[in-house]
Structure formats: C-alpha cells, structure tokens
Amino acid sequence: MADKMLMTVLTGCLAWKGGLPVWLAVIILGRDILLGISAIYYRYISLPPPKTFSRYWDFSLPSAEVHPTGISKVNTALQLGLIGWTVGMPLLTGIGWGAGTGVETALIGMQYLIATTTIWSGASYIYTKDAVKILSQGEREEEKSQEK
C-alpha cells in the first residue's frame, strides 16, 4: 500500500510540474484507480451475508485474496526507477549529462516501456486466473483460524 501512495503522489506532482507526460500519468493513475474500484467490488460480492457497512470494513472476515502478478511486481519496480530517474534529471543536466547525450532519449524510451508494462499489468489482473480468488466458506474459516 505504501508503494501505491508513493507512486500516486510522485506521479501526480511530476505530471503537474511537467516532469512526466500527462498521458503517462493518466495511464499509471488510471490503472491504480481501476484496481482500487475492482478491490471494492470484489470485497462486496465476496462478503458473506449479511452485508453491512461495519462487516464490509471488518478485515477479520476474509472474503477474497488478491495476489500480485509477476508483471505487476516488475512494473512497480520499473515505475519507481522511472520516478527516481525523472527526479534526478535536473542533476544530470546540471553536470552536463542532459541534452545531446542520449539520456533524455533513454528517459523517453523508459516512459514508453512503463506505459506498456502498466497496461500489461492491469490486463494481467483480468486475464490471470490466480490473481483474485474469492474464498469459500471453508477457506474463510481456515484463514480466520490461522490468524489466531
């Protein structure tokens, strides 16, 4: 969760200041928003009755498991690398590694790579069978007993 908060704040700030293209920020933030909406939906449909507000937010009642996909982990690492590189670009240009050295071209290539892996990562949650698992009653009870 901390990596999502970090990526959201840094992506928004860098796009606002012109460090990241807006189209890339929309892809990154849009994927995270869609994943958040999906998590809310899966929690609701998998929660056993009665479905009340307090039971919805009671996470001692397991109802679904979400497992990050492999590409999602790679994508997070690449996004953090891109953010670090983007934040460090003013330092690189200040010491003469900016315009004309290929660093800016490589950064643009990295941005397209991140766009691709972000879209791929979002799609992997849709098309991977093991990404989201709605727990059966027996699995819920087993999960609760393991927490004790």
N, C-alpha and C. Protein backbone atom coordinates (compact mmCIF):
# COMPACT_ATOMS: atom_id res chain seq x y z
N MET A 1 0.82 -1.19 0.00
CA MET A 1 0.00 0.00 0.00
C MET A 1 0.87 1.26 0.00
N ALA A 2 1.99 1.20 0.70
CA ALA A 2 2.87 2.36 0.77
C ALA A 2 3.45 2.69 -0.62
N ASP A 3 3.76 1.64 -1.41
CA ASP A 3 4.29 1.91 -2.75
C ASP A 3 3.24 2.57 -3.64
N LYS A 4 1.98 2.22 -3.45
CA LYS A 4 0.91 2.84 -4.23
C LYS A 4 0.75 4.32 -3.87
N MET A 5 0.82 4.62 -2.57
CA MET A 5 0.71 6.01 -2.13
C MET A 5 1.90 6.83 -2.65
N LEU A 6 3.09 6.26 -2.55
CA LEU A 6 4.28 6.95 -3.06
C LEU A 6 4.16 7.22 -4.55
N MET A 7 3.76 6.20 -5.32
CA MET A 7 3.63 6.36 -6.77
C MET A 7 2.55 7.38 -7.13
N THR A 8 1.45 7.37 -6.41
CA THR A 8 0.36 8.30 -6.70
C THR A 8 0.81 9.74 -6.48
N VAL A 9 1.41 10.01 -5.34
CA VAL A 9 1.83 11.37 -5.02
C VAL A 9 2.93 11.84 -5.98
N LEU A 10 3.95 11.02 -6.18
CA LEU A 10 5.06 11.43 -7.05
C LEU A 10 4.62 11.56 -8.51
N THR A 11 3.80 10.64 -8.97
CA THR A 11 3.32 10.72 -10.36
C THR A 11 2.50 11.99 -10.57
N GLY A 12 1.59 12.26 -9.65
CA GLY A 12 0.78 13.47 -9.75
C GLY A 12 1.62 14.74 -9.72
N CYS A 13 2.56 14.81 -8.79
CA CYS A 13 3.40 16.01 -8.66
C CYS A 13 4.29 16.20 -9.89
N LEU A 14 4.90 15.11 -10.36
CA LEU A 14 5.79 15.24 -11.53
C LEU A 14 5.01 15.60 -12.79
N ALA A 15 3.81 15.06 -12.94
CA ALA A 15 2.99 15.43 -14.11
C ALA A 15 2.56 16.88 -14.01
N TRP A 16 2.21 17.32 -12.82
CA TRP A 16 1.79 18.70 -12.60
C TRP A 16 2.90 19.69 -12.96
N LYS A 17 4.14 19.33 -12.61
CA LYS A 17 5.28 20.21 -12.85
C LYS A 17 5.92 20.00 -14.22
N GLY A 18 5.42 19.05 -15.01
CA GLY A 18 5.94 18.83 -16.35
C GLY A 18 7.08 17.84 -16.44
N GLY A 19 7.41 17.16 -15.35
CA GLY A 19 8.48 16.18 -15.37
C GLY A 19 8.08 14.87 -16.03
N LEU A 20 6.81 14.54 -15.94
CA LEU A 20 6.26 13.35 -16.60
C LEU A 20 5.18 13.79 -17.57
N PRO A 21 5.08 13.13 -18.72
CA PRO A 21 3.99 13.46 -19.63
C PRO A 21 2.63 13.14 -18.98
N VAL A 22 1.66 13.97 -19.23
CA VAL A 22 0.33 13.78 -18.65
C VAL A 22 -0.27 12.45 -19.09
N TRP A 23 -0.06 12.06 -20.35
CA TRP A 23 -0.62 10.81 -20.84
C TRP A 23 -0.10 9.62 -20.03
N LEU A 24 1.16 9.67 -19.62
CA LEU A 24 1.73 8.58 -18.83
C LEU A 24 1.15 8.59 -17.41
N ALA A 25 1.00 9.77 -16.84
CA ALA A 25 0.41 9.88 -15.51
C ALA A 25 -1.03 9.34 -15.52
N VAL A 26 -1.77 9.62 -16.58
CA VAL A 26 -3.15 9.13 -16.70
C VAL A 26 -3.16 7.60 -16.75
N ILE A 27 -2.23 7.00 -17.47
CA ILE A 27 -2.16 5.53 -17.55
C ILE A 27 -1.83 4.95 -16.18
N ILE A 28 -0.81 5.50 -15.52
CA ILE A 28 -0.38 4.97 -14.23
C ILE A 28 -1.49 5.13 -13.18
N LEU A 29 -2.01 6.34 -13.06
CA LEU A 29 -3.04 6.60 -12.05
C LEU A 29 -4.36 5.92 -12.40
N GLY A 30 -4.68 5.86 -13.68
CA GLY A 30 -5.91 5.19 -14.12
C GLY A 30 -5.91 3.72 -13.78
N ARG A 31 -4.77 3.05 -13.97
CA ARG A 31 -4.66 1.63 -13.60
C ARG A 31 -4.88 1.46 -12.11
N ASP A 32 -4.25 2.31 -11.31
CA ASP A 32 -4.40 2.19 -9.85
C ASP A 32 -5.83 2.47 -9.40
N ILE A 33 -6.48 3.42 -10.03
CA ILE A 33 -7.88 3.71 -9.69
C ILE A 33 -8.77 2.53 -10.06
N LEU A 34 -8.55 1.96 -11.24
CA LEU A 34 -9.36 0.80 -11.65
C LEU A 34 -9.12 -0.41 -10.74
N LEU A 35 -7.87 -0.61 -10.31
CA LEU A 35 -7.60 -1.70 -9.37
C LEU A 35 -8.28 -1.46 -8.03
N GLY A 36 -8.30 -0.20 -7.59
CA GLY A 36 -8.99 0.13 -6.33
C GLY A 36 -10.48 -0.12 -6.41
N ILE A 37 -11.09 0.28 -7.52
CA ILE A 37 -12.52 0.04 -7.73
C ILE A 37 -12.80 -1.45 -7.78
N SER A 38 -11.91 -2.20 -8.43
CA SER A 38 -12.08 -3.66 -8.51
C SER A 38 -12.00 -4.29 -7.12
N ALA A 39 -11.09 -3.80 -6.29
CA ALA A 39 -10.95 -4.34 -4.93
C ALA A 39 -12.22 -4.10 -4.12
N ILE A 40 -12.79 -2.91 -4.26
CA ILE A 40 -14.05 -2.60 -3.57
C ILE A 40 -15.16 -3.54 -4.05
N TYR A 41 -15.23 -3.75 -5.36
CA TYR A 41 -16.26 -4.62 -5.94
C TYR A 41 -16.09 -6.07 -5.45
N TYR A 42 -14.86 -6.60 -5.54
CA TYR A 42 -14.63 -7.98 -5.12
C TYR A 42 -14.90 -8.18 -3.64
N ARG A 43 -14.56 -7.20 -2.83
CA ARG A 43 -14.84 -7.30 -1.40
C ARG A 43 -16.36 -7.40 -1.18
N TYR A 44 -17.10 -6.56 -1.90
CA TYR A 44 -18.55 -6.55 -1.73
C TYR A 44 -19.19 -7.87 -2.16
N ILE A 45 -18.84 -8.36 -3.36
CA ILE A 45 -19.51 -9.57 -3.86
C ILE A 45 -19.08 -10.82 -3.10
N SER A 46 -17.91 -10.78 -2.48
CA SER A 46 -17.43 -11.98 -1.80
C SER A 46 -17.74 -12.00 -0.31
N LEU A 47 -18.24 -10.89 0.22
CA LEU A 47 -18.57 -10.83 1.65
C LEU A 47 -19.82 -11.66 1.92
N PRO A 48 -19.74 -12.59 2.87
CA PRO A 48 -20.93 -13.40 3.17
C PRO A 48 -22.00 -12.56 3.84
N PRO A 49 -23.27 -12.91 3.66
CA PRO A 49 -24.35 -12.16 4.28
C PRO A 49 -24.28 -12.23 5.79
N PRO A 50 -24.80 -11.28 6.47
CA PRO A 50 -25.43 -10.05 6.00
C PRO A 50 -24.36 -9.01 5.61
N LYS A 51 -24.61 -8.29 4.54
CA LYS A 51 -23.67 -7.29 4.04
C LYS A 51 -23.99 -5.95 4.68
N THR A 52 -23.25 -5.65 5.72
CA THR A 52 -23.43 -4.37 6.41
C THR A 52 -22.16 -3.54 6.26
N PHE A 53 -22.30 -2.26 6.53
CA PHE A 53 -21.16 -1.36 6.42
C PHE A 53 -20.03 -1.78 7.37
N SER A 54 -20.38 -2.12 8.59
CA SER A 54 -19.36 -2.49 9.57
C SER A 54 -18.70 -3.83 9.20
N ARG A 55 -19.46 -4.77 8.66
CA ARG A 55 -18.86 -6.04 8.24
C ARG A 55 -17.98 -5.85 7.00
N TYR A 56 -18.36 -4.92 6.13
CA TYR A 56 -17.55 -4.65 4.94
C TYR A 56 -16.14 -4.22 5.34
N TRP A 57 -16.04 -3.39 6.36
CA TRP A 57 -14.74 -2.85 6.79
C TRP A 57 -14.08 -3.69 7.87
N ASP A 58 -14.69 -4.80 8.24
CA ASP A 58 -14.10 -5.70 9.24
C ASP A 58 -13.20 -6.71 8.50
N PHE A 59 -11.90 -6.42 8.49
CA PHE A 59 -10.99 -7.26 7.72
C PHE A 59 -10.59 -8.54 8.44
N SER A 60 -11.19 -8.77 9.60
CA SER A 60 -11.02 -10.08 10.24
C SER A 60 -11.94 -11.10 9.57
N LEU A 61 -12.81 -10.63 8.69
CA LEU A 61 -13.69 -11.50 7.90
C LEU A 61 -13.10 -11.62 6.49
N PRO A 62 -12.19 -12.56 6.26
CA PRO A 62 -11.60 -12.67 4.93
C PRO A 62 -12.64 -13.14 3.92
N SER A 63 -12.63 -12.56 2.74
CA SER A 63 -13.60 -12.96 1.72
C SER A 63 -12.96 -13.16 0.36
N ALA A 64 -11.82 -12.52 0.13
CA ALA A 64 -11.13 -12.67 -1.15
C ALA A 64 -9.64 -12.43 -0.94
N GLU A 65 -8.85 -13.05 -1.80
CA GLU A 65 -7.41 -12.85 -1.78
C GLU A 65 -6.98 -12.30 -3.13
N VAL A 66 -6.09 -11.32 -3.11
CA VAL A 66 -5.53 -10.77 -4.34
C VAL A 66 -4.03 -11.04 -4.30
N HIS A 67 -3.54 -11.69 -5.33
CA HIS A 67 -2.12 -12.00 -5.44
C HIS A 67 -1.52 -11.16 -6.56
N PRO A 68 -0.49 -10.36 -6.27
CA PRO A 68 0.12 -9.57 -7.33
C PRO A 68 0.70 -10.48 -8.42
N THR A 69 0.51 -10.09 -9.65
CA THR A 69 1.04 -10.88 -10.76
C THR A 69 2.52 -10.54 -10.93
N GLY A 70 3.23 -11.40 -11.63
CA GLY A 70 4.66 -11.18 -11.86
C GLY A 70 4.93 -9.87 -12.58
N ILE A 71 4.17 -9.59 -13.63
CA ILE A 71 4.39 -8.35 -14.38
C ILE A 71 4.06 -7.13 -13.52
N SER A 72 3.13 -7.29 -12.58
CA SER A 72 2.80 -6.18 -11.70
C SER A 72 3.98 -5.81 -10.80
N LYS A 73 4.69 -6.82 -10.31
CA LYS A 73 5.87 -6.57 -9.49
C LYS A 73 6.98 -5.90 -10.30
N VAL A 74 7.18 -6.40 -11.52
CA VAL A 74 8.18 -5.79 -12.42
C VAL A 74 7.79 -4.35 -12.73
N ASN A 75 6.51 -4.13 -13.00
CA ASN A 75 6.01 -2.81 -13.33
C ASN A 75 6.24 -1.83 -12.18
N THR A 76 5.98 -2.25 -10.95
CA THR A 76 6.20 -1.38 -9.80
C THR A 76 7.66 -0.99 -9.69
N ALA A 77 8.56 -1.95 -9.88
CA ALA A 77 10.00 -1.65 -9.82
C ALA A 77 10.40 -0.68 -10.93
N LEU A 78 9.88 -0.90 -12.14
CA LEU A 78 10.19 0.00 -13.26
C LEU A 78 9.63 1.40 -13.02
N GLN A 79 8.41 1.48 -12.48
CA GLN A 79 7.83 2.79 -12.19
C GLN A 79 8.65 3.54 -11.16
N LEU A 80 9.09 2.86 -10.12
CA LEU A 80 9.93 3.52 -9.11
C LEU A 80 11.25 3.97 -9.71
N GLY A 81 11.82 3.15 -10.61
CA GLY A 81 13.04 3.55 -11.32
C GLY A 81 12.83 4.78 -12.18
N LEU A 82 11.70 4.81 -12.88
CA LEU A 82 11.39 5.98 -13.72
C LEU A 82 11.22 7.24 -12.88
N ILE A 83 10.52 7.11 -11.76
CA ILE A 83 10.32 8.27 -10.89
C ILE A 83 11.66 8.77 -10.38
N GLY A 84 12.51 7.86 -9.94
CA GLY A 84 13.84 8.25 -9.47
C GLY A 84 14.66 8.92 -10.55
N TRP A 85 14.61 8.37 -11.75
CA TRP A 85 15.34 8.94 -12.88
C TRP A 85 14.79 10.32 -13.22
N THR A 86 13.48 10.46 -13.22
CA THR A 86 12.85 11.75 -13.54
C THR A 86 13.21 12.80 -12.49
N VAL A 87 13.19 12.41 -11.22
CA VAL A 87 13.56 13.35 -10.16
C VAL A 87 15.03 13.74 -10.28
N GLY A 88 15.87 12.79 -10.70
CA GLY A 88 17.30 13.06 -10.83
C GLY A 88 17.72 13.76 -12.11
N MET A 89 16.84 13.89 -13.09
CA MET A 89 17.21 14.52 -14.37
C MET A 89 17.79 15.92 -14.23
N PRO A 90 17.25 16.78 -13.38
CA PRO A 90 17.87 18.11 -13.24
C PRO A 90 19.33 18.03 -12.78
N LEU A 91 19.65 17.04 -11.97
CA LEU A 91 21.05 16.87 -11.55
C LEU A 91 21.91 16.42 -12.71
N LEU A 92 21.39 15.50 -13.52
CA LEU A 92 22.14 15.02 -14.67
C LEU A 92 22.40 16.12 -15.68
N THR A 93 21.38 16.91 -15.95
CA THR A 93 21.57 18.02 -16.91
C THR A 93 22.48 19.09 -16.33
N GLY A 94 22.49 19.23 -15.02
CA GLY A 94 23.35 20.22 -14.37
C GLY A 94 24.82 19.88 -14.48
N ILE A 95 25.15 18.58 -14.59
CA ILE A 95 26.56 18.20 -14.70
C ILE A 95 26.94 17.84 -16.14
N GLY A 96 26.06 18.18 -17.08
CA GLY A 96 26.39 18.00 -18.49
C GLY A 96 25.95 16.69 -19.10
N TRP A 97 25.13 15.91 -18.42
CA TRP A 97 24.66 14.64 -18.97
C TRP A 97 23.27 14.76 -19.55
N GLY A 98 22.82 15.93 -19.89
CA GLY A 98 21.46 16.13 -20.35
C GLY A 98 21.35 16.10 -21.86
N ALA A 99 20.99 17.25 -22.43
CA ALA A 99 20.72 17.37 -23.86
C ALA A 99 21.93 16.93 -24.69
N GLY A 100 21.65 16.14 -25.71
CA GLY A 100 22.68 15.72 -26.63
C GLY A 100 23.47 14.50 -26.19
N THR A 101 23.22 13.98 -25.03
CA THR A 101 23.99 12.81 -24.55
C THR A 101 23.19 11.51 -24.64
N GLY A 102 21.97 11.58 -25.03
CA GLY A 102 21.13 10.39 -25.14
C GLY A 102 20.37 10.06 -23.87
N VAL A 103 20.64 10.76 -22.77
CA VAL A 103 19.95 10.50 -21.51
C VAL A 103 18.47 10.83 -21.64
N GLU A 104 18.15 11.95 -22.28
CA GLU A 104 16.75 12.33 -22.44
C GLU A 104 16.02 11.36 -23.37
N THR A 105 16.70 10.89 -24.42
CA THR A 105 16.09 9.92 -25.32
C THR A 105 15.83 8.61 -24.59
N ALA A 106 16.77 8.19 -23.77
CA ALA A 106 16.58 6.97 -22.99
C ALA A 106 15.43 7.13 -22.00
N LEU A 107 15.29 8.31 -21.43
CA LEU A 107 14.18 8.58 -20.50
C LEU A 107 12.84 8.47 -21.21
N ILE A 108 12.77 8.99 -22.42
CA ILE A 108 11.53 8.89 -23.20
C ILE A 108 11.24 7.42 -23.51
N GLY A 109 12.26 6.66 -23.86
CA GLY A 109 12.08 5.22 -24.10
C GLY A 109 11.58 4.51 -22.86
N MET A 110 12.12 4.90 -21.71
CA MET A 110 11.67 4.32 -20.44
C MET A 110 10.21 4.64 -20.19
N GLN A 111 9.79 5.85 -20.54
CA GLN A 111 8.39 6.23 -20.35
C GLN A 111 7.47 5.35 -21.18
N TYR A 112 7.85 5.06 -22.42
CA TYR A 112 7.02 4.18 -23.25
C TYR A 112 7.03 2.74 -22.72
N LEU A 113 8.17 2.31 -22.20
CA LEU A 113 8.24 0.98 -21.59
C LEU A 113 7.31 0.90 -20.39
N ILE A 114 7.31 1.93 -19.55
CA ILE A 114 6.44 1.96 -18.37
C ILE A 114 4.97 1.97 -18.79
N ALA A 115 4.64 2.72 -19.82
CA ALA A 115 3.25 2.73 -20.30
C ALA A 115 2.83 1.32 -20.71
N THR A 116 3.72 0.64 -21.42
CA THR A 116 3.42 -0.72 -21.88
C THR A 116 3.25 -1.69 -20.71
N THR A 117 4.20 -1.66 -19.77
CA THR A 117 4.11 -2.61 -18.64
C THR A 117 2.94 -2.28 -17.71
N THR A 118 2.57 -1.01 -17.63
CA THR A 118 1.43 -0.62 -16.79
C THR A 118 0.13 -1.17 -17.37
N ILE A 119 -0.04 -1.03 -18.67
CA ILE A 119 -1.23 -1.57 -19.33
C ILE A 119 -1.24 -3.10 -19.24
N TRP A 120 -0.09 -3.70 -19.48
CA TRP A 120 0.05 -5.16 -19.39
C TRP A 120 -0.27 -5.65 -17.98
N SER A 121 0.23 -4.92 -17.00
CA SER A 121 -0.01 -5.27 -15.60
C SER A 121 -1.50 -5.21 -15.26
N GLY A 122 -2.17 -4.15 -15.69
CA GLY A 122 -3.60 -4.03 -15.44
C GLY A 122 -4.38 -5.15 -16.10
N ALA A 123 -4.00 -5.48 -17.33
CA ALA A 123 -4.68 -6.56 -18.05
C ALA A 123 -4.40 -7.91 -17.41
N SER A 124 -3.23 -8.07 -16.79
CA SER A 124 -2.90 -9.36 -16.19
C SER A 124 -3.84 -9.71 -15.04
N TYR A 125 -4.36 -8.70 -14.34
CA TYR A 125 -5.31 -8.97 -13.27
C TYR A 125 -6.65 -9.48 -13.83
N ILE A 126 -6.95 -9.09 -15.05
CA ILE A 126 -8.19 -9.53 -15.69
C ILE A 126 -8.04 -10.95 -16.23
N TYR A 127 -6.90 -11.23 -16.87
CA TYR A 127 -6.75 -12.49 -17.59
C TYR A 127 -6.01 -13.59 -16.84
N THR A 128 -5.47 -13.30 -15.66
CA THR A 128 -4.79 -14.32 -14.87
C THR A 128 -5.78 -14.92 -13.88
N LYS A 129 -5.95 -16.23 -13.92
CA LYS A 129 -6.94 -16.89 -13.07
C LYS A 129 -6.59 -16.81 -11.59
N ASP A 130 -5.31 -16.79 -11.25
CA ASP A 130 -4.90 -16.84 -9.86
C ASP A 130 -4.76 -15.46 -9.22
N ALA A 131 -5.00 -14.40 -9.95
CA ALA A 131 -4.79 -13.05 -9.41
C ALA A 131 -5.79 -12.72 -8.30
N VAL A 132 -7.05 -13.06 -8.50
CA VAL A 132 -8.08 -12.81 -7.49
C VAL A 132 -8.79 -14.12 -7.21
N LYS A 133 -8.89 -14.44 -5.93
CA LYS A 133 -9.55 -15.68 -5.53
C LYS A 133 -10.59 -15.35 -4.47
N ILE A 134 -11.85 -15.66 -4.78
CA ILE A 134 -12.92 -15.48 -3.81
C ILE A 134 -12.93 -16.73 -2.93
N LEU A 135 -12.82 -16.51 -1.62
CA LEU A 135 -12.69 -17.62 -0.68
C LEU A 135 -14.04 -18.29 -0.43
N SER A 136 -14.00 -19.63 -0.36
CA SER A 136 -15.20 -20.37 0.01
C SER A 136 -15.37 -20.30 1.52
N GLN A 137 -16.50 -20.79 2.02
CA GLN A 137 -16.76 -20.76 3.47
C GLN A 137 -15.67 -21.50 4.24
N GLY A 138 -15.26 -22.66 3.75
CA GLY A 138 -14.21 -23.44 4.41
C GLY A 138 -12.88 -22.70 4.42
N GLU A 139 -12.55 -22.06 3.31
CA GLU A 139 -11.30 -21.30 3.23
C GLU A 139 -11.34 -20.08 4.15
N ARG A 140 -12.51 -19.48 4.30
CA ARG A 140 -12.65 -18.33 5.20
C ARG A 140 -12.38 -18.76 6.64
N GLU A 141 -12.96 -19.88 7.02
CA GLU A 141 -12.78 -20.38 8.39
C GLU A 141 -11.32 -20.76 8.63
N GLU A 142 -10.69 -21.37 7.63
CA GLU A 142 -9.28 -21.75 7.76
C GLU A 142 -8.40 -20.50 7.88
N GLU A 143 -8.70 -19.49 7.10
CA GLU A 143 -7.96 -18.23 7.15
C GLU A 143 -8.10 -17.57 8.52
N LYS A 144 -9.30 -17.56 9.07
CA LYS A 144 -9.53 -16.96 10.39
C LYS A 144 -8.80 -17.75 11.47
N SER A 145 -8.78 -19.09 11.37
CA SER A 145 -8.11 -19.90 12.39
C SER A 145 -6.59 -19.72 12.34
N GLN A 146 -6.03 -19.45 11.16
CA GLN A 146 -4.59 -19.22 11.03
C GLN A 146 -4.18 -17.89 11.63
N GLU A 147 -5.09 -16.92 11.67
CA GLU A 147 -4.79 -15.61 12.23
C GLU A 147 -4.67 -15.66 13.76
N LYS A 148 -5.32 -16.64 14.38
CA LYS A 148 -5.33 -16.73 15.85
C LYS A 148 -4.08 -17.32 16.39
